[in-house]
Protein backbone atom coordinates (compact mmCIF):
# COMPACT_ATOMS: atom_id res chain seq x y z
CA UNK A 1 0.00 0.00 0.00
CA UNK A 2 1.40 3.39 -0.98
CA UNK A 3 1.60 6.14 1.63
CA UNK A 4 -0.04 9.47 0.88
CA UNK A 5 2.61 11.99 -0.11
CA UNK A 6 3.16 14.96 2.18
CA UNK A 7 1.08 18.03 1.28
CA UNK A 8 3.36 21.02 1.78
CA UNK A 9 0.36 23.34 1.44
CA UNK A 10 -1.79 21.95 4.24
CA UNK A 11 -0.14 19.16 6.27
CA UNK A 12 1.24 20.07 9.69
CA UNK A 13 4.97 20.80 9.56
CA UNK A 14 7.19 20.09 12.57
CA UNK A 15 10.93 20.10 13.18
CA UNK A 16 10.80 16.34 12.52
CA UNK A 17 9.18 16.66 9.07
CA UNK A 18 11.52 15.08 6.51
CA UNK A 19 12.34 17.20 3.46
CA UNK A 20 11.43 14.85 0.63
CA UNK A 21 11.77 15.18 -3.14
CA UNK A 22 8.19 16.49 -3.08
CA UNK A 23 9.31 19.58 -1.08
CA UNK A 24 7.71 22.85 -2.18
CA UNK A 25 8.06 26.42 -0.94
CA UNK A 26 4.55 27.18 0.25
CA UNK A 27 2.99 29.69 2.62
CA UNK A 28 2.75 26.79 5.09
CA UNK A 29 6.54 26.27 4.86
CA UNK A 30 7.16 30.02 5.18
CA UNK A 31 5.00 30.14 8.33
CA UNK A 32 7.05 27.28 9.82
CA UNK A 33 10.35 29.04 9.11
CA UNK A 34 9.12 32.38 10.47
CA UNK A 35 7.99 30.60 13.66
CA UNK A 36 11.36 28.83 14.00
CA UNK A 37 13.72 31.53 12.70
CA UNK A 38 11.92 34.81 13.34
CA UNK A 39 10.42 37.56 11.23
CA UNK A 40 13.71 38.16 9.37
CA UNK A 41 13.38 34.79 7.61
CA UNK A 42 13.50 34.83 3.81
CA UNK A 43 14.47 32.33 1.15
CA UNK A 44 17.63 32.93 -0.83
CA UNK A 45 19.24 30.92 -3.62
CA UNK A 46 22.10 29.38 -1.57
CA UNK A 47 19.68 28.24 1.15
CA UNK A 48 17.27 26.84 -1.44
CA UNK A 49 20.13 24.93 -3.10
CA UNK A 50 21.07 23.49 0.30
CA UNK A 51 17.43 22.49 0.96
CA UNK A 52 17.19 20.61 -2.33
CA UNK A 53 20.69 19.06 -2.46
CA UNK A 54 19.35 15.52 -2.06
CA UNK A 55 20.87 14.95 1.39
CA UNK A 56 18.24 13.67 3.85
CA UNK A 57 17.33 16.35 6.38
CA UNK A 58 14.41 17.55 8.45
CA UNK A 59 12.70 20.91 8.65
CA UNK A 60 14.41 21.33 12.05
CA UNK A 61 17.78 20.83 10.36
CA UNK A 62 16.76 23.44 7.78
CA UNK A 63 15.70 25.99 10.43
CA UNK A 64 18.99 25.46 12.30
CA UNK A 65 20.95 25.88 9.05
CA UNK A 66 19.11 29.11 8.19
CA UNK A 67 19.87 30.49 11.67
CA UNK A 68 23.53 29.47 11.30
CA UNK A 69 23.75 31.25 7.94
CA UNK A 70 22.04 34.36 9.36
CA UNK A 71 24.54 34.43 12.24
CA UNK A 72 27.45 34.15 9.76
CA UNK A 73 26.08 37.11 7.79
CA UNK A 74 26.01 39.16 11.03
CA UNK A 75 29.75 38.53 11.54
CA UNK A 76 30.68 40.07 8.18
PDB file of N, CA and C in Angstrom:
ATOM      1  N   UNK A   1       0.844  -1.195   0.000  1.00  0.00           N
ATOM      2  CA  UNK A   1       0.000   0.000   0.000  1.00  0.00           C
ATOM      3  C   UNK A   1       0.886   1.254   0.000  1.00  0.00           C
ATOM      4  N   UNK A   2       0.596   2.179  -0.858  1.00  0.00           N
ATOM      5  CA  UNK A   2       1.395   3.388  -0.984  1.00  0.00           C
ATOM      6  C   UNK A   2       0.950   4.448   0.015  1.00  0.00           C
ATOM      7  N   UNK A   3       1.922   5.065   0.690  1.00  0.00           N
ATOM      8  CA  UNK A   3       1.598   6.142   1.629  1.00  0.00           C
ATOM      9  C   UNK A   3       1.224   7.403   0.869  1.00  0.00           C
ATOM     10  N   UNK A   4       0.333   8.178   1.450  1.00  0.00           N
ATOM     11  CA  UNK A   4      -0.041   9.468   0.877  1.00  0.00           C
ATOM     12  C   UNK A   4       1.176  10.391   0.945  1.00  0.00           C
ATOM     13  N   UNK A   5       1.467  11.090  -0.144  1.00  0.00           N
ATOM     14  CA  UNK A   5       2.612  11.992  -0.108  1.00  0.00           C
ATOM     15  C   UNK A   5       2.280  13.215   0.746  1.00  0.00           C
ATOM     16  N   UNK A   6       3.315  13.810   1.292  1.00  0.00           N
ATOM     17  CA  UNK A   6       3.158  14.957   2.183  1.00  0.00           C
ATOM     18  C   UNK A   6       2.637  16.148   1.389  1.00  0.00           C
ATOM     19  N   UNK A   7       1.635  16.833   1.927  1.00  0.00           N
ATOM     20  CA  UNK A   7       1.078  18.026   1.280  1.00  0.00           C
ATOM     21  C   UNK A   7       1.694  19.256   1.928  1.00  0.00           C
ATOM     22  N   UNK A   8       2.646  19.871   1.230  1.00  0.00           N
ATOM     23  CA  UNK A   8       3.360  21.024   1.780  1.00  0.00           C
ATOM     24  C   UNK A   8       2.466  22.242   1.942  1.00  0.00           C
ATOM     25  N   UNK A   9       1.293  22.220   1.310  1.00  0.00           N
ATOM     26  CA  UNK A   9       0.357  23.341   1.438  1.00  0.00           C
ATOM     27  C   UNK A   9      -0.466  23.253   2.714  1.00  0.00           C
ATOM     28  N   UNK A  10      -0.827  22.034   3.133  1.00  0.00           N
ATOM     29  CA  UNK A  10      -1.790  21.950   4.237  1.00  0.00           C
ATOM     30  C   UNK A  10      -1.413  21.021   5.379  1.00  0.00           C
ATOM     31  N   UNK A  11      -0.500  20.057   5.167  1.00  0.00           N
ATOM     32  CA  UNK A  11      -0.139  19.157   6.271  1.00  0.00           C
ATOM     33  C   UNK A  11       0.643  19.924   7.338  1.00  0.00           C
ATOM     34  N   UNK A  12       0.537  19.455   8.571  1.00  0.00           N
ATOM     35  CA  UNK A  12       1.238  20.074   9.688  1.00  0.00           C
ATOM     36  C   UNK A  12       2.736  19.825   9.554  1.00  0.00           C
ATOM     37  N   UNK A  13       3.519  20.896   9.667  1.00  0.00           N
ATOM     38  CA  UNK A  13       4.972  20.803   9.557  1.00  0.00           C
ATOM     39  C   UNK A  13       5.570  20.940  10.955  1.00  0.00           C
ATOM     40  N   UNK A  14       6.472  20.021  11.293  1.00  0.00           N
ATOM     41  CA  UNK A  14       7.186  20.092  12.566  1.00  0.00           C
ATOM     42  C   UNK A  14       8.680  20.043  12.289  1.00  0.00           C
ATOM     43  N   UNK A  15       9.478  20.199  13.332  1.00  0.00           N
ATOM     44  CA  UNK A  15      10.930  20.102  13.183  1.00  0.00           C
ATOM     45  C   UNK A  15      11.342  18.714  12.696  1.00  0.00           C
ATOM     46  N   UNK A  16      10.493  17.707  12.916  1.00  0.00           N
ATOM     47  CA  UNK A  16      10.800  16.336  12.517  1.00  0.00           C
ATOM     48  C   UNK A  16      10.342  15.992  11.101  1.00  0.00           C
ATOM     49  N   UNK A  17       9.654  16.910  10.430  1.00  0.00           N
ATOM     50  CA  UNK A  17       9.180  16.659   9.075  1.00  0.00           C
ATOM     51  C   UNK A  17      10.379  16.490   8.143  1.00  0.00           C
ATOM     52  N   UNK A  18      10.421  15.360   7.435  1.00  0.00           N
ATOM     53  CA  UNK A  18      11.522  15.084   6.505  1.00  0.00           C
ATOM     54  C   UNK A  18      11.310  15.861   5.211  1.00  0.00           C
ATOM     55  N   UNK A  19      12.390  16.478   4.736  1.00  0.00           N
ATOM     56  CA  UNK A  19      12.335  17.200   3.463  1.00  0.00           C
ATOM     57  C   UNK A  19      12.525  16.170   2.356  1.00  0.00           C
ATOM     58  N   UNK A  20      11.445  15.871   1.674  1.00  0.00           N
ATOM     59  CA  UNK A  20      11.430  14.847   0.627  1.00  0.00           C
ATOM     60  C   UNK A  20      11.569  15.503  -0.743  1.00  0.00           C
ATOM     61  N   UNK A  21      11.688  14.669  -1.769  1.00  0.00           N
ATOM     62  CA  UNK A  21      11.775  15.180  -3.143  1.00  0.00           C
ATOM     63  C   UNK A  21      10.544  16.017  -3.501  1.00  0.00           C
ATOM     64  N   UNK A  22       9.431  15.762  -2.805  1.00  0.00           N
ATOM     65  CA  UNK A  22       8.189  16.487  -3.082  1.00  0.00           C
ATOM     66  C   UNK A  22       8.186  17.892  -2.466  1.00  0.00           C
ATOM     67  N   UNK A  23       9.262  18.285  -1.776  1.00  0.00           N
ATOM     68  CA  UNK A  23       9.309  19.584  -1.083  1.00  0.00           C
ATOM     69  C   UNK A  23       8.920  20.734  -2.001  1.00  0.00           C
ATOM     70  N   UNK A  24       8.119  21.632  -1.462  1.00  0.00           N
ATOM     71  CA  UNK A  24       7.711  22.846  -2.176  1.00  0.00           C
ATOM     72  C   UNK A  24       7.761  24.032  -1.211  1.00  0.00           C
ATOM     73  N   UNK A  25       8.160  25.186  -1.728  1.00  0.00           N
ATOM     74  CA  UNK A  25       8.056  26.417  -0.941  1.00  0.00           C
ATOM     75  C   UNK A  25       6.602  26.843  -0.968  1.00  0.00           C
ATOM     76  N   UNK A  26       5.958  26.787   0.159  1.00  0.00           N
ATOM     77  CA  UNK A  26       4.550  27.184   0.252  1.00  0.00           C
ATOM     78  C   UNK A  26       4.409  28.182   1.389  1.00  0.00           C
ATOM     79  N   UNK A  27       3.252  28.797   1.486  1.00  0.00           N
ATOM     80  CA  UNK A  27       2.991  29.690   2.622  1.00  0.00           C
ATOM     81  C   UNK A  27       3.070  28.911   3.929  1.00  0.00           C
ATOM     82  N   UNK A  28       2.667  27.651   3.910  1.00  0.00           N
ATOM     83  CA  UNK A  28       2.750  26.790   5.091  1.00  0.00           C
ATOM     84  C   UNK A  28       4.214  26.628   5.524  1.00  0.00           C
ATOM     85  N   UNK A  29       5.106  26.402   4.570  1.00  0.00           N
ATOM     86  CA  UNK A  29       6.537  26.271   4.859  1.00  0.00           C
ATOM     87  C   UNK A  29       7.081  27.595   5.384  1.00  0.00           C
ATOM     88  N   UNK A  30       6.711  28.693   4.740  1.00  0.00           N
ATOM     89  CA  UNK A  30       7.163  30.023   5.176  1.00  0.00           C
ATOM     90  C   UNK A  30       6.719  30.300   6.614  1.00  0.00           C
ATOM     91  N   UNK A  31       5.484  29.946   6.945  1.00  0.00           N
ATOM     92  CA  UNK A  31       4.997  30.139   8.327  1.00  0.00           C
ATOM     93  C   UNK A  31       5.850  29.344   9.315  1.00  0.00           C
ATOM     94  N   UNK A  32       6.203  28.099   8.949  1.00  0.00           N
ATOM     95  CA  UNK A  32       7.046  27.275   9.817  1.00  0.00           C
ATOM     96  C   UNK A  32       8.389  27.968  10.045  1.00  0.00           C
ATOM     97  N   UNK A  33       9.037  28.418   8.966  1.00  0.00           N
ATOM     98  CA  UNK A  33      10.351  29.037   9.110  1.00  0.00           C
ATOM     99  C   UNK A  33      10.281  30.346   9.898  1.00  0.00           C
ATOM    100  N   UNK A  34       9.253  31.132   9.704  1.00  0.00           N
ATOM    101  CA  UNK A  34       9.121  32.376  10.467  1.00  0.00           C
ATOM    102  C   UNK A  34       8.944  32.063  11.957  1.00  0.00           C
ATOM    103  N   UNK A  35       8.174  31.020  12.257  1.00  0.00           N
ATOM    104  CA  UNK A  35       7.987  30.602  13.657  1.00  0.00           C
ATOM    105  C   UNK A  35       9.319  30.151  14.255  1.00  0.00           C
ATOM    106  N   UNK A  36      10.098  29.391  13.500  1.00  0.00           N
ATOM    107  CA  UNK A  36      11.361  28.828  14.004  1.00  0.00           C
ATOM    108  C   UNK A  36      12.526  29.823  13.956  1.00  0.00           C
ATOM    109  N   UNK A  37      12.552  30.684  12.947  1.00  0.00           N
ATOM    110  CA  UNK A  37      13.725  31.534  12.696  1.00  0.00           C
ATOM    111  C   UNK A  37      13.481  33.012  12.965  1.00  0.00           C
ATOM    112  N   UNK A  38      12.227  33.413  13.100  1.00  0.00           N
ATOM    113  CA  UNK A  38      11.919  34.813  13.339  1.00  0.00           C
ATOM    114  C   UNK A  38      11.457  35.538  12.085  1.00  0.00           C
ATOM    115  N   UNK A  39      11.018  36.761  12.301  1.00  0.00           N
ATOM    116  CA  UNK A  39      10.418  37.560  11.229  1.00  0.00           C
ATOM    117  C   UNK A  39      11.402  37.911  10.116  1.00  0.00           C
ATOM    118  N   UNK A  40      12.702  37.826  10.383  1.00  0.00           N
ATOM    119  CA  UNK A  40      13.705  38.162   9.369  1.00  0.00           C
ATOM    120  C   UNK A  40      13.865  37.050   8.331  1.00  0.00           C
ATOM    121  N   UNK A  41      13.213  35.900   8.543  1.00  0.00           N
ATOM    122  CA  UNK A  41      13.384  34.786   7.611  1.00  0.00           C
ATOM    123  C   UNK A  41      12.997  35.172   6.193  1.00  0.00           C
ATOM    124  N   UNK A  42      13.845  34.756   5.234  1.00  0.00           N
ATOM    125  CA  UNK A  42      13.500  34.833   3.813  1.00  0.00           C
ATOM    126  C   UNK A  42      14.311  33.776   3.083  1.00  0.00           C
ATOM    127  N   UNK A  43      13.770  33.294   1.974  1.00  0.00           N
ATOM    128  CA  UNK A  43      14.466  32.327   1.145  1.00  0.00           C
ATOM    129  C   UNK A  43      15.507  33.055   0.312  1.00  0.00           C
ATOM    130  N   UNK A  44      16.666  32.430   0.134  1.00  0.00           N
ATOM    131  CA  UNK A  44      17.632  32.933  -0.834  1.00  0.00           C
ATOM    132  C   UNK A  44      18.155  31.734  -1.627  1.00  0.00           C
ATOM    133  N   UNK A  45      18.817  32.007  -2.728  1.00  0.00           N
ATOM    134  CA  UNK A  45      19.238  30.916  -3.620  1.00  0.00           C
ATOM    135  C   UNK A  45      20.186  29.915  -2.957  1.00  0.00           C
ATOM    136  N   UNK A  46      21.213  30.374  -2.200  1.00  0.00           N
ATOM    137  CA  UNK A  46      22.105  29.383  -1.569  1.00  0.00           C
ATOM    138  C   UNK A  46      21.356  28.478  -0.568  1.00  0.00           C
ATOM    139  N   UNK A  47      20.448  29.039   0.198  1.00  0.00           N
ATOM    140  CA  UNK A  47      19.682  28.241   1.153  1.00  0.00           C
ATOM    141  C   UNK A  47      18.771  27.265   0.418  1.00  0.00           C
ATOM    142  N   UNK A  48      18.143  27.719  -0.657  1.00  0.00           N
ATOM    143  CA  UNK A  48      17.275  26.838  -1.441  1.00  0.00           C
ATOM    144  C   UNK A  48      18.075  25.690  -2.048  1.00  0.00           C
ATOM    145  N   UNK A  49      19.283  25.978  -2.533  1.00  0.00           N
ATOM    146  CA  UNK A  49      20.132  24.932  -3.100  1.00  0.00           C
ATOM    147  C   UNK A  49      20.481  23.908  -2.017  1.00  0.00           C
ATOM    148  N   UNK A  50      20.764  24.391  -0.813  1.00  0.00           N
ATOM    149  CA  UNK A  50      21.075  23.494   0.300  1.00  0.00           C
ATOM    150  C   UNK A  50      19.855  22.626   0.633  1.00  0.00           C
ATOM    151  N   UNK A  51      18.659  23.236   0.652  1.00  0.00           N
ATOM    152  CA  UNK A  51      17.432  22.486   0.958  1.00  0.00           C
ATOM    153  C   UNK A  51      17.219  21.338  -0.020  1.00  0.00           C
ATOM    154  N   UNK A  52      17.513  21.574  -1.272  1.00  0.00           N
ATOM    155  CA  UNK A  52      17.192  20.607  -2.332  1.00  0.00           C
ATOM    156  C   UNK A  52      18.406  19.822  -2.829  1.00  0.00           C
ATOM    157  N   UNK A  53      19.460  19.719  -2.002  1.00  0.00           N
ATOM    158  CA  UNK A  53      20.691  19.064  -2.457  1.00  0.00           C
ATOM    159  C   UNK A  53      20.636  17.538  -2.434  1.00  0.00           C
ATOM    160  N   UNK A  54      19.504  16.960  -2.034  1.00  0.00           N
ATOM    161  CA  UNK A  54      19.349  15.517  -2.058  1.00  0.00           C
ATOM    162  C   UNK A  54      19.817  14.805  -0.799  1.00  0.00           C
ATOM    163  N   UNK A  55      20.442  15.530   0.124  1.00  0.00           N
ATOM    164  CA  UNK A  55      20.868  14.948   1.393  1.00  0.00           C
ATOM    165  C   UNK A  55      19.657  14.927   2.322  1.00  0.00           C
ATOM    166  N   UNK A  56      19.408  13.769   2.968  1.00  0.00           N
ATOM    167  CA  UNK A  56      18.241  13.671   3.852  1.00  0.00           C
ATOM    168  C   UNK A  56      18.385  14.621   5.037  1.00  0.00           C
ATOM    169  N   UNK A  57      17.345  15.403   5.270  1.00  0.00           N
ATOM    170  CA  UNK A  57      17.326  16.349   6.380  1.00  0.00           C
ATOM    171  C   UNK A  57      15.896  16.608   6.796  1.00  0.00           C
ATOM    172  N   UNK A  58      15.743  17.209   7.950  1.00  0.00           N
ATOM    173  CA  UNK A  58      14.407  17.549   8.448  1.00  0.00           C
ATOM    174  C   UNK A  58      14.209  19.063   8.390  1.00  0.00           C
ATOM    175  N   UNK A  59      12.991  19.473   8.606  1.00  0.00           N
ATOM    176  CA  UNK A  59      12.704  20.907   8.652  1.00  0.00           C
ATOM    177  C   UNK A  59      13.433  21.555   9.835  1.00  0.00           C
ATOM    178  N   UNK A  60      13.625  20.813  10.920  1.00  0.00           N
ATOM    179  CA  UNK A  60      14.406  21.330  12.046  1.00  0.00           C
ATOM    180  C   UNK A  60      15.851  21.581  11.633  1.00  0.00           C
ATOM    181  N   UNK A  61      16.419  20.641  10.877  1.00  0.00           N
ATOM    182  CA  UNK A  61      17.778  20.832  10.359  1.00  0.00           C
ATOM    183  C   UNK A  61      17.829  22.097   9.501  1.00  0.00           C
ATOM    184  N   UNK A  62      16.808  22.287   8.684  1.00  0.00           N
ATOM    185  CA  UNK A  62      16.764  23.443   7.784  1.00  0.00           C
ATOM    186  C   UNK A  62      16.659  24.748   8.573  1.00  0.00           C
ATOM    187  N   UNK A  63      15.822  24.776   9.614  1.00  0.00           N
ATOM    188  CA  UNK A  63      15.701  25.987  10.429  1.00  0.00           C
ATOM    189  C   UNK A  63      17.032  26.295  11.108  1.00  0.00           C
ATOM    190  N   UNK A  64      17.689  25.267  11.643  1.00  0.00           N
ATOM    191  CA  UNK A  64      18.990  25.462  12.295  1.00  0.00           C
ATOM    192  C   UNK A  64      20.025  25.983  11.306  1.00  0.00           C
ATOM    193  N   UNK A  65      20.003  25.449  10.077  1.00  0.00           N
ATOM    194  CA  UNK A  65      20.946  25.884   9.047  1.00  0.00           C
ATOM    195  C   UNK A  65      20.687  27.333   8.665  1.00  0.00           C
ATOM    196  N   UNK A  66      19.416  27.722   8.545  1.00  0.00           N
ATOM    197  CA  UNK A  66      19.110  29.106   8.193  1.00  0.00           C
ATOM    198  C   UNK A  66      19.620  30.041   9.289  1.00  0.00           C
ATOM    199  N   UNK A  67      19.393  29.667  10.553  1.00  0.00           N
ATOM    200  CA  UNK A  67      19.868  30.492  11.669  1.00  0.00           C
ATOM    201  C   UNK A  67      21.396  30.575  11.673  1.00  0.00           C
ATOM    202  N   UNK A  68      22.075  29.463  11.363  1.00  0.00           N
ATOM    203  CA  UNK A  68      23.532  29.467  11.296  1.00  0.00           C
ATOM    204  C   UNK A  68      24.011  30.427  10.212  1.00  0.00           C
ATOM    205  N   UNK A  69      23.372  30.365   9.040  1.00  0.00           N
ATOM    206  CA  UNK A  69      23.748  31.254   7.937  1.00  0.00           C
ATOM    207  C   UNK A  69      23.485  32.716   8.293  1.00  0.00           C
ATOM    208  N   UNK A  70      22.369  32.981   8.967  1.00  0.00           N
ATOM    209  CA  UNK A  70      22.044  34.357   9.358  1.00  0.00           C
ATOM    210  C   UNK A  70      23.083  34.878  10.348  1.00  0.00           C
ATOM    211  N   UNK A  71      23.520  34.036  11.277  1.00  0.00           N
ATOM    212  CA  UNK A  71      24.542  34.428  12.237  1.00  0.00           C
ATOM    213  C   UNK A  71      25.868  34.722  11.537  1.00  0.00           C
ATOM    214  N   UNK A  72      26.212  33.912  10.528  1.00  0.00           N
ATOM    215  CA  UNK A  72      27.446  34.149   9.759  1.00  0.00           C
ATOM    216  C   UNK A  72      27.391  35.496   9.043  1.00  0.00           C
ATOM    217  N   UNK A  73      26.227  35.824   8.497  1.00  0.00           N
ATOM    218  CA  UNK A  73      26.083  37.109   7.792  1.00  0.00           C
ATOM    219  C   UNK A  73      26.280  38.280   8.760  1.00  0.00           C
ATOM    220  N   UNK A  74      25.860  38.090  10.019  1.00  0.00           N
ATOM    221  CA  UNK A  74      26.013  39.159  11.025  1.00  0.00           C
ATOM    222  C   UNK A  74      27.484  39.416  11.346  1.00  0.00           C
ATOM    223  N   UNK A  75      28.323  38.399  11.215  1.00  0.00           N
ATOM    224  CA  UNK A  75      29.748  38.530  11.539  1.00  0.00           C
ATOM    225  C   UNK A  75      30.498  39.351  10.502  1.00  0.00           C
ATOM    226  N   UNK A  76      29.968  39.394   9.284  1.00  0.00           N
ATOM    227  CA  UNK A  76      30.675  40.072   8.180  1.00  0.00           C
ATOM    228  C   UNK A  76      30.600  41.564   8.312  1.00  0.00           C
TER     229      UNK A  76
END
